[in-house]
Amino acid sequence: MPQFVLPDGAAMSYAEAGAGAPIVLVHGWAANSAFFSELATQLAKSHRVCTLTLRGHPGSDAGQSQLTIETLADDIAHFFEALDLKGVIALGWSMGAMALWAASPRIGARLSGIVVEDMGPRMINDASWEHGISSGYGASDVAATVSEIEADWRTYVNRFAPRMFAASMRDACPELEAWAAGEMAKCDAHAMASFWTSMAQQDFRAAIARIATPMLVIHGGESQVYDDGATAFIAHTAPNAKRVVIEGVGHVPHLEAPDDFLNHIEAFVRDTRRPELRSGGATP
């Protein structure tokens, strides 16, 4: 797997396959590029697909920079610039969406579209926002979560992983949950605690309103992580957004309903790259 050296010397691994207009896949918290393997294979039949493994996650260095959403955004921007990627459809799953939103001021001109997979603009619930992580997770809960992560990461993963999938999916494909938990367990607890802390500090409600890039928001109809209101807010707030709900799936629609997910991505790619929808209505 090739590696891209970031400004602080950290090596970020990525997979690349296919040819054509580029699609960049950005995984979520405590994951890696392997979570997108099947999706990347399908998309690479007609696109150039780059699948990142973000710094601090298995296969990429943590480096010397702080492990924050802002650092991940800088990493993504450096990657886009170094490879001179243009006309990109960028997909961010969960935390990956936050990293793309944070990067958008630098990479916006290089984007044709953004796909947001089951993520909300804010993780924390409070009096002004009730669509953060389910069960009313608040700012006062963050310290306890970080302590649990650092004290016994594997136990935390075994408790967290089942929430990623719809109950019906866990019953039908228990091996999928087991695989995901095994991949997550490879992560470094300290790195994951740092990223969790950073996610809890983010609020993209205002920023999303300034992102004019066409945006597809995909919500898992049975997500146990973010409720319907979280993704509905994004679709209503971003200037050029639309939303689809995939029923019967949870927080990982691309693994739980791969065919439906792929069809939505392909349709979005076709729509955003149609000549008559481009600025000025002209093509090179």
C-alpha atoms as a PDB file:
ATOM      1  CA  MET A   1       0.000   0.000   0.000  1.00  0.00           C
ATOM      2  CA  PRO A   2       1.481   3.384  -0.971  1.00  0.00           C
ATOM      3  CA  GLN A   3       2.211   6.009   1.649  1.00  0.00           C
ATOM      4  CA  PHE A   4       1.982   9.765   1.562  1.00  0.00           C
ATOM      5  CA  VAL A   5       4.416  11.653   3.787  1.00  0.00           C
ATOM      6  CA  LEU A   6       2.720  14.457   5.668  1.00  0.00           C
ATOM      7  CA  PRO A   7       4.460  17.741   6.588  1.00  0.00           C
ATOM      8  CA  ASP A   8       5.381  16.537  10.078  1.00  0.00           C
ATOM      9  CA  GLY A   9       6.984  13.405   8.631  1.00  0.00           C
ATOM     10  CA  ALA A  10       4.127  11.055   9.435  1.00  0.00           C
ATOM     11  CA  ALA A  11       3.387   8.443   6.770  1.00  0.00           C
ATOM     12  CA  MET A  12      -0.280   8.172   5.809  1.00  0.00           C
ATOM     13  CA  SER A  13      -1.198   4.959   4.004  1.00  0.00           C
ATOM     14  CA  TYR A  14      -3.721   4.939   1.210  1.00  0.00           C
ATOM     15  CA  ALA A  15      -4.995   2.543  -1.415  1.00  0.00           C
ATOM     16  CA  GLU A  16      -5.496   3.575  -5.024  1.00  0.00           C
ATOM     17  CA  ALA A  17      -7.313   1.706  -7.765  1.00  0.00           C
ATOM     18  CA  GLY A  18      -9.095   2.336 -11.032  1.00  0.00           C
ATOM     19  CA  ALA A  19      -9.009   5.196 -13.481  1.00  0.00           C
ATOM     20  CA  GLY A  20     -11.224   8.129 -14.281  1.00  0.00           C
ATOM     21  CA  ALA A  21     -12.727  10.942 -12.250  1.00  0.00           C
ATOM     22  CA  PRO A  22     -11.483  10.692  -8.638  1.00  0.00           C
ATOM     23  CA  ILE A  23     -13.369   9.524  -5.585  1.00  0.00           C
ATOM     24  CA  VAL A  24     -11.726   9.805  -2.158  1.00  0.00           C
ATOM     25  CA  LEU A  25     -13.010   7.673   0.733  1.00  0.00           C
ATOM     26  CA  VAL A  26     -12.390   8.849   4.317  1.00  0.00           C
ATOM     27  CA  HIS A  27     -13.163   6.411   7.122  1.00  0.00           C
ATOM     28  CA  GLY A  28     -14.559   7.010  10.565  1.00  0.00           C
ATOM     29  CA  TRP A  29     -13.209   6.928  14.107  1.00  0.00           C
ATOM     30  CA  ALA A  30     -11.256   3.799  15.084  1.00  0.00           C
ATOM     31  CA  ALA A  31     -11.440   2.363  11.566  1.00  0.00           C
ATOM     32  CA  ASN A  32      -9.108   2.125   8.553  1.00  0.00           C
ATOM     33  CA  SER A  33      -9.209   1.798   4.774  1.00  0.00           C
ATOM     34  CA  ALA A  34     -10.213  -1.879   4.991  1.00  0.00           C
ATOM     35  CA  PHE A  35     -13.734  -0.797   5.959  1.00  0.00           C
ATOM     36  CA  PHE A  36     -14.103   0.503   2.402  1.00  0.00           C
ATOM     37  CA  SER A  37     -12.495  -2.417   0.558  1.00  0.00           C
ATOM     38  CA  GLU A  38     -15.646  -3.742  -1.114  1.00  0.00           C
ATOM     39  CA  LEU A  39     -17.004  -0.290  -1.926  1.00  0.00           C
ATOM     40  CA  ALA A  40     -13.657   0.807  -3.380  1.00  0.00           C
ATOM     41  CA  THR A  41     -13.494  -2.297  -5.563  1.00  0.00           C
ATOM     42  CA  GLN A  42     -16.901  -1.565  -7.049  1.00  0.00           C
ATOM     43  CA  LEU A  43     -16.278   2.147  -7.555  1.00  0.00           C
ATOM     44  CA  ALA A  44     -12.871   1.483  -9.132  1.00  0.00           C
ATOM     45  CA  LYS A  45     -14.585  -0.161 -12.107  1.00  0.00           C
ATOM     46  CA  SER A  46     -15.319   3.324 -13.426  1.00  0.00           C
ATOM     47  CA  HIS A  47     -13.410   5.775 -11.205  1.00  0.00           C
ATOM     48  CA  ARG A  48     -10.014   6.476  -9.750  1.00  0.00           C
ATOM     49  CA  VAL A  49     -10.526   5.638  -6.070  1.00  0.00           C
ATOM     50  CA  CYS A  50      -8.223   6.731  -3.259  1.00  0.00           C
ATOM     51  CA  THR A  51      -8.984   5.221   0.144  1.00  0.00           C
ATOM     52  CA  LEU A  52      -7.196   6.879   3.035  1.00  0.00           C
ATOM     53  CA  THR A  53      -6.110   5.467   6.369  1.00  0.00           C
ATOM     54  CA  LEU A  54      -6.053   8.536   8.574  1.00  0.00           C
ATOM     55  CA  ARG A  55      -3.099   9.313  10.818  1.00  0.00           C
ATOM     56  CA  GLY A  56      -3.149   7.595  14.180  1.00  0.00           C
ATOM     57  CA  HIS A  57      -5.139   4.666  12.790  1.00  0.00           C
ATOM     58  CA  PRO A  58      -3.726   1.189  11.997  1.00  0.00           C
ATOM     59  CA  GLY A  59      -1.370   1.410   9.043  1.00  0.00           C
ATOM     60  CA  SER A  60      -0.604   5.125   9.318  1.00  0.00           C
ATOM     61  CA  ASP A  61       1.718   6.972  11.683  1.00  0.00           C
ATOM     62  CA  ALA A  62       0.427   9.188  14.460  1.00  0.00           C
ATOM     63  CA  GLY A  63       3.201  11.696  13.807  1.00  0.00           C
ATOM     64  CA  GLN A  64       4.108  14.691  15.912  1.00  0.00           C
ATOM     65  CA  SER A  65       0.997  16.803  15.264  1.00  0.00           C
ATOM     66  CA  GLN A  66      -1.941  16.878  17.643  1.00  0.00           C
ATOM     67  CA  LEU A  67      -4.500  14.166  16.959  1.00  0.00           C
ATOM     68  CA  THR A  68      -7.459  16.387  16.201  1.00  0.00           C
ATOM     69  CA  ILE A  69     -10.077  16.915  13.516  1.00  0.00           C
ATOM     70  CA  GLU A  70      -8.166  20.015  12.452  1.00  0.00           C
ATOM     71  CA  THR A  71      -5.004  17.983  11.884  1.00  0.00           C
ATOM     72  CA  LEU A  72      -6.910  15.389   9.860  1.00  0.00           C
ATOM     73  CA  ALA A  73      -8.352  18.205   7.742  1.00  0.00           C
ATOM     74  CA  ASP A  74      -4.841  19.522   7.082  1.00  0.00           C
ATOM     75  CA  ASP A  75      -3.694  16.009   6.147  1.00  0.00           C
ATOM     76  CA  ILE A  76      -6.536  15.617   3.664  1.00  0.00           C
ATOM     77  CA  ALA A  77      -5.836  19.023   2.130  1.00  0.00           C
ATOM     78  CA  HIS A  78      -2.124  18.188   1.736  1.00  0.00           C
ATOM     79  CA  PHE A  79      -3.071  14.891   0.081  1.00  0.00           C
ATOM     80  CA  PHE A  80      -5.418  16.583  -2.398  1.00  0.00           C
ATOM     81  CA  GLU A  81      -2.844  19.244  -3.219  1.00  0.00           C
ATOM     82  CA  ALA A  82       0.112  16.896  -3.582  1.00  0.00           C
ATOM     83  CA  LEU A  83      -1.794  14.564  -5.938  1.00  0.00           C
ATOM     84  CA  ASP A  84      -3.407  17.582  -7.622  1.00  0.00           C
ATOM     85  CA  LEU A  85      -6.827  15.969  -7.328  1.00  0.00           C
ATOM     86  CA  LYS A  86      -9.623  17.881  -9.063  1.00  0.00           C
ATOM     87  CA  GLY A  87     -13.303  17.224  -9.618  1.00  0.00           C
ATOM     88  CA  VAL A  88     -13.321  14.941  -6.576  1.00  0.00           C
ATOM     89  CA  ILE A  89     -16.291  13.228  -4.999  1.00  0.00           C
ATOM     90  CA  ALA A  90     -15.217  12.893  -1.352  1.00  0.00           C
ATOM     91  CA  LEU A  91     -17.032  10.501   0.963  1.00  0.00           C
ATOM     92  CA  GLY A  92     -16.729  10.900   4.713  1.00  0.00           C
ATOM     93  CA  TRP A  93     -18.152   8.242   6.982  1.00  0.00           C
ATOM     94  CA  SER A  94     -18.842   9.401  10.548  1.00  0.00           C
ATOM     95  CA  MET A  95     -15.701  11.217  11.803  1.00  0.00           C
ATOM     96  CA  GLY A  96     -14.488  11.294   8.205  1.00  0.00           C
ATOM     97  CA  ALA A  97     -17.312  13.707   7.390  1.00  0.00           C
ATOM     98  CA  MET A  98     -16.125  16.080  10.098  1.00  0.00           C
ATOM     99  CA  ALA A  99     -12.610  15.976   8.662  1.00  0.00           C
ATOM    100  CA  LEU A 100     -13.960  16.810   5.185  1.00  0.00           C
ATOM    101  CA  TRP A 101     -16.088  19.688   6.476  1.00  0.00           C
ATOM    102  CA  ALA A 102     -13.058  21.068   8.281  1.00  0.00           C
ATOM    103  CA  ALA A 103     -10.958  20.700   5.119  1.00  0.00           C
ATOM    104  CA  SER A 104     -13.544  22.226   2.798  1.00  0.00           C
ATOM    105  CA  PRO A 105     -12.205  25.813   2.916  1.00  0.00           C
ATOM    106  CA  ARG A 106      -8.933  24.518   1.428  1.00  0.00           C
ATOM    107  CA  ILE A 107     -10.211  21.823  -0.901  1.00  0.00           C
ATOM    108  CA  GLY A 108     -13.599  23.206  -1.915  1.00  0.00           C
ATOM    109  CA  ALA A 109     -12.397  24.225  -5.383  1.00  0.00           C
ATOM    110  CA  ARG A 110     -11.185  20.663  -5.933  1.00  0.00           C
ATOM    111  CA  LEU A 111     -14.512  19.062  -5.026  1.00  0.00           C
ATOM    112  CA  SER A 112     -17.418  18.091  -7.246  1.00  0.00           C
ATOM    113  CA  GLY A 113     -19.389  16.667  -4.354  1.00  0.00           C
ATOM    114  CA  ILE A 114     -19.341  15.501  -0.750  1.00  0.00           C
ATOM    115  CA  VAL A 115     -21.036  12.370   0.566  1.00  0.00           C
ATOM    116  CA  VAL A 116     -21.825  12.335   4.279  1.00  0.00           C
ATOM    117  CA  GLU A 117     -22.430   8.883   5.710  1.00  0.00           C
ATOM    118  CA  ASP A 118     -24.471   8.784   8.918  1.00  0.00           C
ATOM    119  CA  MET A 119     -22.956  11.767  10.697  1.00  0.00           C
ATOM    120  CA  GLY A 120     -24.269  14.836  12.467  1.00  0.00           C
ATOM    121  CA  PRO A 121     -22.738  18.309  12.654  1.00  0.00           C
ATOM    122  CA  ARG A 122     -22.266  18.045  16.406  1.00  0.00           C
ATOM    123  CA  MET A 123     -21.590  15.061  18.642  1.00  0.00           C
ATOM    124  CA  ILE A 124     -22.599  16.637  21.946  1.00  0.00           C
ATOM    125  CA  ASN A 125     -26.175  17.196  23.093  1.00  0.00           C
ATOM    126  CA  ASP A 126     -27.177  20.281  25.052  1.00  0.00           C
ATOM    127  CA  ALA A 127     -30.020  22.783  25.323  1.00  0.00           C
ATOM    128  CA  SER A 128     -29.338  24.053  21.795  1.00  0.00           C
ATOM    129  CA  TRP A 129     -28.835  20.676  20.116  1.00  0.00           C
ATOM    130  CA  GLU A 130     -30.651  17.406  20.742  1.00  0.00           C
ATOM    131  CA  HIS A 131     -29.411  15.407  17.759  1.00  0.00           C
ATOM    132  CA  GLY A 132     -25.926  14.496  18.966  1.00  0.00           C
ATOM    133  CA  ILE A 133     -24.914  10.957  19.832  1.00  0.00           C
ATOM    134  CA  SER A 134     -27.946   8.966  20.888  1.00  0.00           C
ATOM    135  CA  SER A 135     -28.927   8.556  24.538  1.00  0.00           C
ATOM    136  CA  GLY A 136     -28.379  12.233  25.298  1.00  0.00           C
ATOM    137  CA  TYR A 137     -24.590  12.112  25.348  1.00  0.00           C
ATOM    138  CA  GLY A 138     -23.371  15.422  26.768  1.00  0.00           C
ATOM    139  CA  ALA A 139     -20.179  17.354  27.473  1.00  0.00           C
ATOM    140  CA  SER A 140     -20.085  15.985  31.004  1.00  0.00           C
ATOM    141  CA  ASP A 141     -19.835  12.433  29.618  1.00  0.00           C
ATOM    142  CA  VAL A 142     -16.665  12.978  27.588  1.00  0.00           C
ATOM    143  CA  ALA A 143     -14.142  12.618  30.414  1.00  0.00           C
ATOM    144  CA  ALA A 144     -15.623   9.283  31.490  1.00  0.00           C
ATOM    145  CA  THR A 145     -15.554   7.991  27.899  1.00  0.00           C
ATOM    146  CA  VAL A 146     -11.921   8.977  27.484  1.00  0.00           C
ATOM    147  CA  SER A 147     -11.043   7.240  30.751  1.00  0.00           C
ATOM    148  CA  GLU A 148     -12.796   4.069  29.624  1.00  0.00           C
ATOM    149  CA  ILE A 149     -11.022   4.123  26.272  1.00  0.00           C
ATOM    150  CA  GLU A 150      -7.596   4.515  27.811  1.00  0.00           C
ATOM    151  CA  ALA A 151      -8.205   2.066  30.663  1.00  0.00           C
ATOM    152  CA  ASP A 152      -9.385  -0.903  28.561  1.00  0.00           C
ATOM    153  CA  TRP A 153      -9.701  -0.252  24.863  1.00  0.00           C
ATOM    154  CA  ARG A 154     -10.752  -3.779  23.884  1.00  0.00           C
ATOM    155  CA  THR A 155     -13.599  -3.811  26.398  1.00  0.00           C
ATOM    156  CA  TYR A 156     -14.742  -0.429  25.128  1.00  0.00           C
ATOM    157  CA  VAL A 157     -14.670  -1.693  21.524  1.00  0.00           C
ATOM    158  CA  ASN A 158     -16.719  -4.751  22.432  1.00  0.00           C
ATOM    159  CA  ARG A 159     -19.352  -2.450  23.908  1.00  0.00           C
ATOM    160  CA  PHE A 160     -19.230   0.122  21.093  1.00  0.00           C
ATOM    161  CA  ALA A 161     -19.110  -2.131  18.025  1.00  0.00           C
ATOM    162  CA  PRO A 162     -22.640  -3.583  18.410  1.00  0.00           C
ATOM    163  CA  ARG A 163     -24.077  -0.047  18.334  1.00  0.00           C
ATOM    164  CA  MET A 164     -22.625   0.475  14.870  1.00  0.00           C
ATOM    165  CA  PHE A 165     -25.029  -1.950  13.224  1.00  0.00           C
ATOM    166  CA  ALA A 166     -28.787  -2.310  13.051  1.00  0.00           C
ATOM    167  CA  ALA A 167     -30.116  -5.025  15.358  1.00  0.00           C
ATOM    168  CA  SER A 168     -31.473  -7.004  12.412  1.00  0.00           C
ATOM    169  CA  MET A 169     -28.060  -6.865  10.707  1.00  0.00           C
ATOM    170  CA  ARG A 170     -26.270  -8.115  13.841  1.00  0.00           C
ATOM    171  CA  ASP A 171     -28.640 -11.087  13.958  1.00  0.00           C
ATOM    172  CA  ALA A 172     -28.298 -11.858  10.253  1.00  0.00           C
ATOM    173  CA  CYS A 173     -24.537 -11.290   9.923  1.00  0.00           C
ATOM    174  CA  PRO A 174     -22.842 -11.629  13.318  1.00  0.00           C
ATOM    175  CA  GLU A 175     -19.527 -12.120  11.538  1.00  0.00           C
ATOM    176  CA  LEU A 176     -19.682  -8.521  10.271  1.00  0.00           C
ATOM    177  CA  GLU A 177     -19.826  -7.127  13.787  1.00  0.00           C
ATOM    178  CA  ALA A 178     -17.024  -9.460  14.888  1.00  0.00           C
ATOM    179  CA  TRP A 179     -14.849  -8.344  11.977  1.00  0.00           C
ATOM    180  CA  ALA A 180     -15.458  -4.663  12.699  1.00  0.00           C
ATOM    181  CA  ALA A 181     -14.648  -5.125  16.388  1.00  0.00           C
ATOM    182  CA  GLY A 182     -11.436  -6.940  15.477  1.00  0.00           C
ATOM    183  CA  GLU A 183     -10.340  -4.104  13.199  1.00  0.00           C
ATOM    184  CA  MET A 184     -11.206  -1.452  15.764  1.00  0.00           C
ATOM    185  CA  ALA A 185      -9.278  -3.303  18.462  1.00  0.00           C
ATOM    186  CA  LYS A 186      -6.074  -2.756  16.455  1.00  0.00           C
ATOM    187  CA  CYS A 187      -6.239   0.977  17.143  1.00  0.00           C
ATOM    188  CA  ASP A 188      -4.109   2.747  19.739  1.00  0.00           C
ATOM    189  CA  ALA A 189      -6.222   3.719  22.753  1.00  0.00           C
ATOM    190  CA  HIS A 190      -4.432   7.017  23.382  1.00  0.00           C
ATOM    191  CA  ALA A 191      -4.881   8.096  19.757  1.00  0.00           C
ATOM    192  CA  MET A 192      -8.563   7.195  19.821  1.00  0.00           C
ATOM    193  CA  ALA A 193      -9.054   9.094  23.077  1.00  0.00           C
ATOM    194  CA  SER A 194      -7.470  12.176  21.508  1.00  0.00           C
ATOM    195  CA  PHE A 195      -9.677  12.013  18.425  1.00  0.00           C
ATOM    196  CA  TRP A 196     -12.774  11.424  20.566  1.00  0.00           C
ATOM    197  CA  THR A 197     -11.966  14.510  22.622  1.00  0.00           C
ATOM    198  CA  SER A 198     -11.533  16.552  19.457  1.00  0.00           C
ATOM    199  CA  MET A 199     -14.801  15.308  17.935  1.00  0.00           C
ATOM    200  CA  ALA A 200     -16.622  16.301  21.098  1.00  0.00           C
ATOM    201  CA  GLN A 201     -15.348  19.862  20.670  1.00  0.00           C
ATOM    202  CA  GLN A 202     -16.628  20.273  17.108  1.00  0.00           C
ATOM    203  CA  ASP A 203     -19.746  22.110  16.003  1.00  0.00           C
ATOM    204  CA  PHE A 204     -20.204  22.355  12.231  1.00  0.00           C
ATOM    205  CA  ARG A 205     -23.758  23.711  12.229  1.00  0.00           C
ATOM    206  CA  ALA A 206     -22.704  27.144  10.985  1.00  0.00           C
ATOM    207  CA  ALA A 207     -19.911  25.868   8.717  1.00  0.00           C
ATOM    208  CA  ILE A 208     -22.236  23.513   6.836  1.00  0.00           C
ATOM    209  CA  ALA A 209     -24.365  26.463   5.770  1.00  0.00           C
ATOM    210  CA  ARG A 210     -21.321  27.887   3.989  1.00  0.00           C
ATOM    211  CA  ILE A 211     -20.416  24.738   2.052  1.00  0.00           C
ATOM    212  CA  ALA A 212     -21.883  25.219  -1.419  1.00  0.00           C
ATOM    213  CA  THR A 213     -20.461  21.960  -2.789  1.00  0.00           C
ATOM    214  CA  PRO A 214     -23.236  19.508  -3.749  1.00  0.00           C
ATOM    215  CA  MET A 215     -23.747  17.188  -0.808  1.00  0.00           C
ATOM    216  CA  LEU A 216     -25.410  13.793  -0.493  1.00  0.00           C
ATOM    217  CA  VAL A 217     -26.339  12.860   3.069  1.00  0.00           C
ATOM    218  CA  ILE A 218     -26.959   9.162   3.674  1.00  0.00           C
ATOM    219  CA  HIS A 219     -28.691   8.165   6.887  1.00  0.00           C
ATOM    220  CA  GLY A 220     -29.026   4.682   8.324  1.00  0.00           C
ATOM    221  CA  GLY A 221     -32.693   4.265   9.141  1.00  0.00           C
ATOM    222  CA  GLU A 222     -31.908   2.225  12.254  1.00  0.00           C
ATOM    223  CA  SER A 223     -28.756   4.064  13.299  1.00  0.00           C
ATOM    224  CA  GLN A 224     -28.065   3.745  17.012  1.00  0.00           C
ATOM    225  CA  VAL A 225     -25.448   6.494  16.864  1.00  0.00           C
ATOM    226  CA  TYR A 226     -27.204   9.475  15.229  1.00  0.00           C
ATOM    227  CA  ASP A 227     -30.932  10.018  14.977  1.00  0.00           C
ATOM    228  CA  ASP A 228     -32.907  11.146  11.948  1.00  0.00           C
ATOM    229  CA  GLY A 229     -32.719  14.795  12.986  1.00  0.00           C
ATOM    230  CA  ALA A 230     -28.929  14.893  12.779  1.00  0.00           C
ATOM    231  CA  THR A 231     -28.736  14.107   9.071  1.00  0.00           C
ATOM    232  CA  ALA A 232     -31.959  15.974   8.302  1.00  0.00           C
ATOM    233  CA  PHE A 233     -30.356  19.133   9.720  1.00  0.00           C
ATOM    234  CA  ILE A 234     -27.427  18.813   7.322  1.00  0.00           C
ATOM    235  CA  ALA A 235     -29.703  18.296   4.335  1.00  0.00           C
ATOM    236  CA  HIS A 236     -31.798  21.330   5.275  1.00  0.00           C
ATOM    237  CA  THR A 237     -28.826  23.566   6.103  1.00  0.00           C
ATOM    238  CA  ALA A 238     -26.238  22.912   3.384  1.00  0.00           C
ATOM    239  CA  PRO A 239     -27.127  25.012   0.308  1.00  0.00           C
ATOM    240  CA  ASN A 240     -26.964  22.151  -2.207  1.00  0.00           C
ATOM    241  CA  ALA A 241     -27.707  19.042  -0.192  1.00  0.00           C
ATOM    242  CA  LYS A 242     -30.089  16.141  -0.530  1.00  0.00           C
ATOM    243  CA  ARG A 243     -30.671  13.213   1.784  1.00  0.00           C
ATOM    244  CA  VAL A 244     -31.514   9.565   1.398  1.00  0.00           C
ATOM    245  CA  VAL A 245     -32.454   7.148   4.152  1.00  0.00           C
ATOM    246  CA  ILE A 246     -31.514   3.500   3.772  1.00  0.00           C
ATOM    247  CA  GLU A 247     -33.962   1.523   5.866  1.00  0.00           C
ATOM    248  CA  GLY A 248     -32.925  -1.477   7.921  1.00  0.00           C
ATOM    249  CA  VAL A 249     -29.325  -0.375   8.439  1.00  0.00           C
ATOM    250  CA  GLY A 250     -27.401   1.363  11.175  1.00  0.00           C
ATOM    251  CA  HIS A 251     -24.296   3.544  11.362  1.00  0.00           C
ATOM    252  CA  VAL A 252     -22.415   1.699   8.592  1.00  0.00           C
ATOM    253  CA  PRO A 253     -24.728   1.667   5.567  1.00  0.00           C
ATOM    254  CA  HIS A 254     -21.902   0.922   3.127  1.00  0.00           C
ATOM    255  CA  LEU A 255     -21.310  -2.427   4.854  1.00  0.00           C
ATOM    256  CA  GLU A 256     -24.875  -3.221   5.846  1.00  0.00           C
ATOM    257  CA  ALA A 257     -26.529  -2.508   2.487  1.00  0.00           C
ATOM    258  CA  PRO A 258     -23.638  -2.351   0.016  1.00  0.00           C
ATOM    259  CA  ASP A 259     -25.700  -2.560  -3.178  1.00  0.00           C
ATOM    260  CA  ASP A 260     -28.145   0.189  -2.180  1.00  0.00           C
ATOM    261  CA  PHE A 261     -25.298   2.348  -0.929  1.00  0.00           C
ATOM    262  CA  LEU A 262     -23.327   1.933  -4.163  1.00  0.00           C
ATOM    263  CA  ASN A 263     -26.374   2.792  -6.261  1.00  0.00           C
ATOM    264  CA  HIS A 264     -26.891   6.033  -4.334  1.00  0.00           C
ATOM    265  CA  ILE A 265     -23.236   6.989  -4.759  1.00  0.00           C
ATOM    266  CA  GLU A 266     -23.234   6.252  -8.466  1.00  0.00           C
ATOM    267  CA  ALA A 267     -26.429   8.251  -8.995  1.00  0.00           C
ATOM    268  CA  PHE A 268     -24.962  11.200  -7.081  1.00  0.00           C
ATOM    269  CA  VAL A 269     -21.773  11.040  -9.132  1.00  0.00           C
ATOM    270  CA  ARG A 270     -23.774  11.064 -12.368  1.00  0.00           C
ATOM    271  CA  ASP A 271     -25.888  14.009 -11.257  1.00  0.00           C
ATOM    272  CA  THR A 272     -23.041  16.167  -9.970  1.00  0.00           C
ATOM    273  CA  ARG A 273     -20.895  15.559 -13.021  1.00  0.00           C
ATOM    274  CA  ARG A 274     -23.572  16.109 -15.665  1.00  0.00           C
ATOM    275  CA  PRO A 275     -22.367  18.954 -17.912  1.00  0.00           C
ATOM    276  CA  GLU A 276     -25.552  20.989 -17.600  1.00  0.00           C
ATOM    277  CA  LEU A 277     -25.195  21.102 -13.799  1.00  0.00           C
ATOM    278  CA  ARG A 278     -21.694  22.544 -13.856  1.00  0.00           C
ATOM    279  CA  SER A 279     -21.138  26.240 -13.293  1.00  0.00           C
ATOM    280  CA  GLY A 280     -21.802  28.133 -16.499  1.00  0.00           C
ATOM    281  CA  GLY A 281     -23.284  25.068 -18.185  1.00  0.00           C
ATOM    282  CA  ALA A 282     -20.123  24.484 -20.203  1.00  0.00           C
ATOM    283  CA  THR A 283     -17.574  21.727 -20.224  1.00  0.00           C
ATOM    284  CA  PRO A 284     -13.959  21.706 -21.425  1.00  0.00           C
END
